[in-house]
Amino acid sequence: MTTRAHLRRSALRLPGVEETPDHGALVFAVRGEAFAWGTADGAAELAMSPQDASATLERFASAEPLTRGGEQVGVRVPLAAVNGMELNALLEKAWRSKAPPEHVALRRAAARGEAPTGPDALPRSIGKPATRALLAAGITTLSEAVARPDEELLALHGVGPRAVRLLREAAAQKG
């Protein structure tokens, strides 16, 4: 079972996402395009491609088609009917339906742990889980990583104290 607080945390972890409260509902958008709504009655409304919506409706008996102007634009899922992992996967699909292609490409590279190379690259010594977590949060370079407070980095699933220490050491070595 998930909550609106989980929906909010998970949506805001996706790159480029902004939140706008709207009459008791939480609205999450990327580059001005809304992709997820947390309703006051405890449901998540998610914009999705027709293929993703069909798969979601088949998988979750409690899911309902989400329509706007008579056209199906996604799904509505009671938060109590999904666990955290399922909600994260559904949010990812909804986000991908509205995110710019460059954001989606970065996110896919992050899932594979493929960090950009170059003089400001994330050090390999931090490990794949930390690299994936940083890339998924939109942090693609060493300078971007060390500009963030330790608490923010440590809040990312996959980034631990060792990875933060190695990032700081790598930045100190580069000057």
Protein backbone atom coordinates (compact mmCIF):
# COMPACT_ATOMS: atom_id res chain seq x y z
CA MET A 1 0.00 0.00 0.00
CA THR A 2 1.33 3.42 -0.89
CA THR A 3 0.34 6.93 0.10
CA ARG A 4 0.21 10.40 -1.41
CA ALA A 5 3.49 11.12 0.40
CA HIS A 6 5.14 8.20 -1.42
CA LEU A 7 3.67 9.39 -4.72
CA ARG A 8 5.08 12.86 -4.10
CA ARG A 9 8.57 11.63 -3.13
CA SER A 10 8.78 9.24 -6.06
CA ALA A 11 7.53 11.74 -8.65
CA LEU A 12 9.91 14.45 -7.46
CA ARG A 13 12.89 12.08 -7.81
CA LEU A 14 12.36 11.96 -11.58
CA PRO A 15 14.46 14.42 -13.61
CA GLY A 16 12.94 17.81 -14.35
CA VAL A 17 9.76 17.26 -12.34
CA GLU A 18 7.90 20.14 -10.73
CA GLU A 19 4.93 19.99 -8.37
CA THR A 20 1.91 22.25 -8.46
CA PRO A 21 -0.91 21.76 -5.94
CA ASP A 22 -4.32 22.14 -7.55
CA HIS A 23 -7.51 22.17 -5.44
CA GLY A 24 -6.43 19.34 -3.12
CA ALA A 25 -4.73 17.33 -5.85
CA LEU A 26 -0.99 17.04 -6.34
CA VAL A 27 0.07 17.68 -9.92
CA PHE A 28 3.47 16.62 -11.25
CA ALA A 29 4.80 17.93 -14.55
CA VAL A 30 7.95 17.81 -16.60
CA ARG A 31 8.64 20.89 -18.74
CA GLY A 32 5.09 22.08 -18.13
CA GLU A 33 3.47 18.80 -19.24
CA ALA A 34 1.45 17.16 -16.43
CA PHE A 35 1.98 13.40 -16.20
CA ALA A 36 0.72 12.44 -12.71
CA TRP A 37 -1.95 13.61 -10.30
CA GLY A 38 -2.43 12.55 -6.69
CA THR A 39 -6.11 12.95 -5.94
CA ALA A 40 -7.67 13.86 -2.61
CA ASP A 41 -9.48 10.49 -2.57
CA GLY A 42 -6.19 8.53 -2.58
CA ALA A 43 -5.69 7.65 -6.23
CA ALA A 44 -2.93 8.28 -8.73
CA GLU A 45 -3.97 9.44 -12.17
CA LEU A 46 -1.22 8.77 -14.67
CA ALA A 47 -0.87 9.92 -18.27
CA MET A 48 0.40 7.02 -20.39
CA SER A 49 0.81 5.77 -23.91
CA PRO A 50 -2.06 3.53 -25.06
CA GLN A 51 0.23 0.47 -24.83
CA ASP A 52 1.34 1.25 -21.25
CA ALA A 53 -2.24 2.04 -20.23
CA SER A 54 -3.51 -1.28 -21.62
CA ALA A 55 -0.78 -3.22 -19.83
CA THR A 56 -1.54 -1.41 -16.57
CA LEU A 57 -5.28 -2.07 -16.86
CA GLU A 58 -4.56 -5.77 -17.44
CA ARG A 59 -2.14 -6.00 -14.49
CA PHE A 60 -4.16 -4.13 -11.86
CA ALA A 61 -7.80 -5.12 -11.47
CA SER A 62 -8.50 -1.94 -9.50
CA ALA A 63 -7.11 0.34 -12.25
CA GLU A 64 -9.55 2.28 -14.39
CA PRO A 65 -9.11 4.08 -17.70
CA LEU A 66 -8.37 7.80 -17.30
CA THR A 67 -10.24 9.89 -19.83
CA ARG A 68 -10.16 13.56 -20.71
CA GLY A 69 -12.68 14.92 -23.20
CA GLY A 70 -13.92 11.40 -23.94
CA GLU A 71 -10.46 10.16 -24.94
CA GLN A 72 -8.39 7.68 -22.91
CA VAL A 73 -5.18 9.40 -21.84
CA GLY A 74 -3.93 7.06 -19.11
CA VAL A 75 -5.02 5.19 -16.00
CA ARG A 76 -6.36 5.85 -12.54
CA VAL A 77 -5.01 3.54 -9.83
CA PRO A 78 -5.97 3.56 -6.13
CA LEU A 79 -2.75 4.08 -4.18
CA ALA A 80 -3.83 1.40 -1.69
CA ALA A 81 -3.81 -1.16 -4.53
CA VAL A 82 -0.11 -0.82 -5.45
CA ASN A 83 3.14 -1.27 -3.57
CA GLY A 84 6.06 1.15 -3.73
CA MET A 85 7.92 -0.64 -6.52
CA GLU A 86 4.79 -0.85 -8.64
CA LEU A 87 4.04 2.84 -8.11
CA ASN A 88 7.61 3.78 -9.06
CA ALA A 89 7.33 1.77 -12.29
CA LEU A 90 3.97 3.34 -13.14
CA LEU A 91 5.33 6.84 -12.46
CA GLU A 92 8.31 6.12 -14.70
CA LYS A 93 5.99 5.13 -17.56
CA ALA A 94 3.85 8.23 -17.05
CA TRP A 95 6.92 10.47 -16.86
CA ARG A 96 8.34 8.95 -20.08
CA SER A 97 5.07 9.77 -21.87
CA LYS A 98 5.64 13.52 -21.33
CA ALA A 99 9.39 13.98 -20.77
CA PRO A 100 11.62 15.41 -23.49
CA PRO A 101 13.52 12.76 -25.47
CA GLU A 102 16.89 13.86 -24.05
CA HIS A 103 15.62 13.29 -20.49
CA VAL A 104 14.31 9.84 -21.44
CA ALA A 105 17.63 8.93 -23.09
CA LEU A 106 19.55 10.02 -19.98
CA ARG A 107 17.21 7.99 -17.77
CA ARG A 108 17.69 4.86 -19.90
CA ALA A 109 21.47 5.33 -19.83
CA ALA A 110 21.22 5.72 -16.05
CA ALA A 111 19.40 2.40 -15.75
CA ARG A 112 22.32 0.79 -17.58
CA GLY A 113 24.83 2.67 -15.40
CA GLU A 114 26.39 4.38 -18.43
CA ALA A 115 27.92 7.63 -17.23
CA PRO A 116 29.22 10.17 -19.74
CA THR A 117 33.01 10.18 -20.10
CA GLY A 118 35.41 13.10 -20.09
CA PRO A 119 37.47 15.22 -17.72
CA ASP A 120 34.49 15.92 -15.44
CA ALA A 121 33.17 12.34 -15.47
CA LEU A 122 31.82 10.59 -12.40
CA PRO A 123 34.60 8.38 -11.01
CA ARG A 124 34.17 4.65 -11.63
CA SER A 125 35.34 3.98 -8.08
CA ILE A 126 31.95 4.98 -6.66
CA GLY A 127 30.42 1.80 -8.10
CA LYS A 128 27.51 1.00 -10.39
CA PRO A 129 24.66 1.47 -7.85
CA ALA A 130 25.85 4.97 -6.94
CA THR A 131 26.46 5.84 -10.60
CA ARG A 132 22.95 4.69 -11.55
CA ALA A 133 21.41 6.64 -8.66
CA LEU A 134 23.25 9.86 -9.57
CA LEU A 135 22.42 9.56 -13.26
CA ALA A 136 18.76 8.81 -12.48
CA ALA A 137 18.67 12.02 -10.43
CA GLY A 138 20.05 13.96 -13.41
CA ILE A 139 23.55 14.32 -11.93
CA THR A 140 25.89 13.43 -14.80
CA THR A 141 29.23 15.03 -13.88
CA LEU A 142 31.59 15.15 -10.92
CA SER A 143 31.15 18.91 -10.55
CA GLU A 144 27.35 18.53 -10.42
CA ALA A 145 27.69 15.83 -7.78
CA VAL A 146 30.01 17.76 -5.47
CA ALA A 147 27.85 20.88 -5.77
CA ARG A 148 25.10 18.98 -3.93
CA PRO A 149 25.03 18.67 -0.13
CA ASP A 150 25.99 15.29 1.31
CA GLU A 151 22.46 14.84 2.72
CA GLU A 152 20.94 15.16 -0.76
CA LEU A 153 23.37 12.64 -2.23
CA LEU A 154 22.89 10.20 0.65
CA ALA A 155 19.11 10.38 0.17
CA LEU A 156 19.52 8.74 -3.25
CA HIS A 157 18.99 4.99 -3.11
CA GLY A 158 22.38 3.50 -4.04
CA VAL A 159 24.57 6.34 -2.80
CA GLY A 160 26.24 5.64 0.53
CA PRO A 161 28.86 7.36 2.67
CA ARG A 162 31.70 5.63 0.79
CA ALA A 163 30.48 6.93 -2.59
CA VAL A 164 30.14 10.48 -1.21
CA ARG A 165 33.67 10.30 0.24
CA LEU A 166 35.06 9.05 -3.10
CA LEU A 167 33.28 11.86 -4.97
CA ARG A 168 34.73 14.48 -2.62
CA GLU A 169 38.22 12.95 -2.90
CA ALA A 170 38.04 12.86 -6.71
CA ALA A 171 36.98 16.50 -6.79
CA ALA A 172 39.82 17.49 -4.43
CA GLN A 173 42.35 15.70 -6.66
CA LYS A 174 41.09 17.62 -9.70
CA GLY A 175 41.32 20.89 -7.80
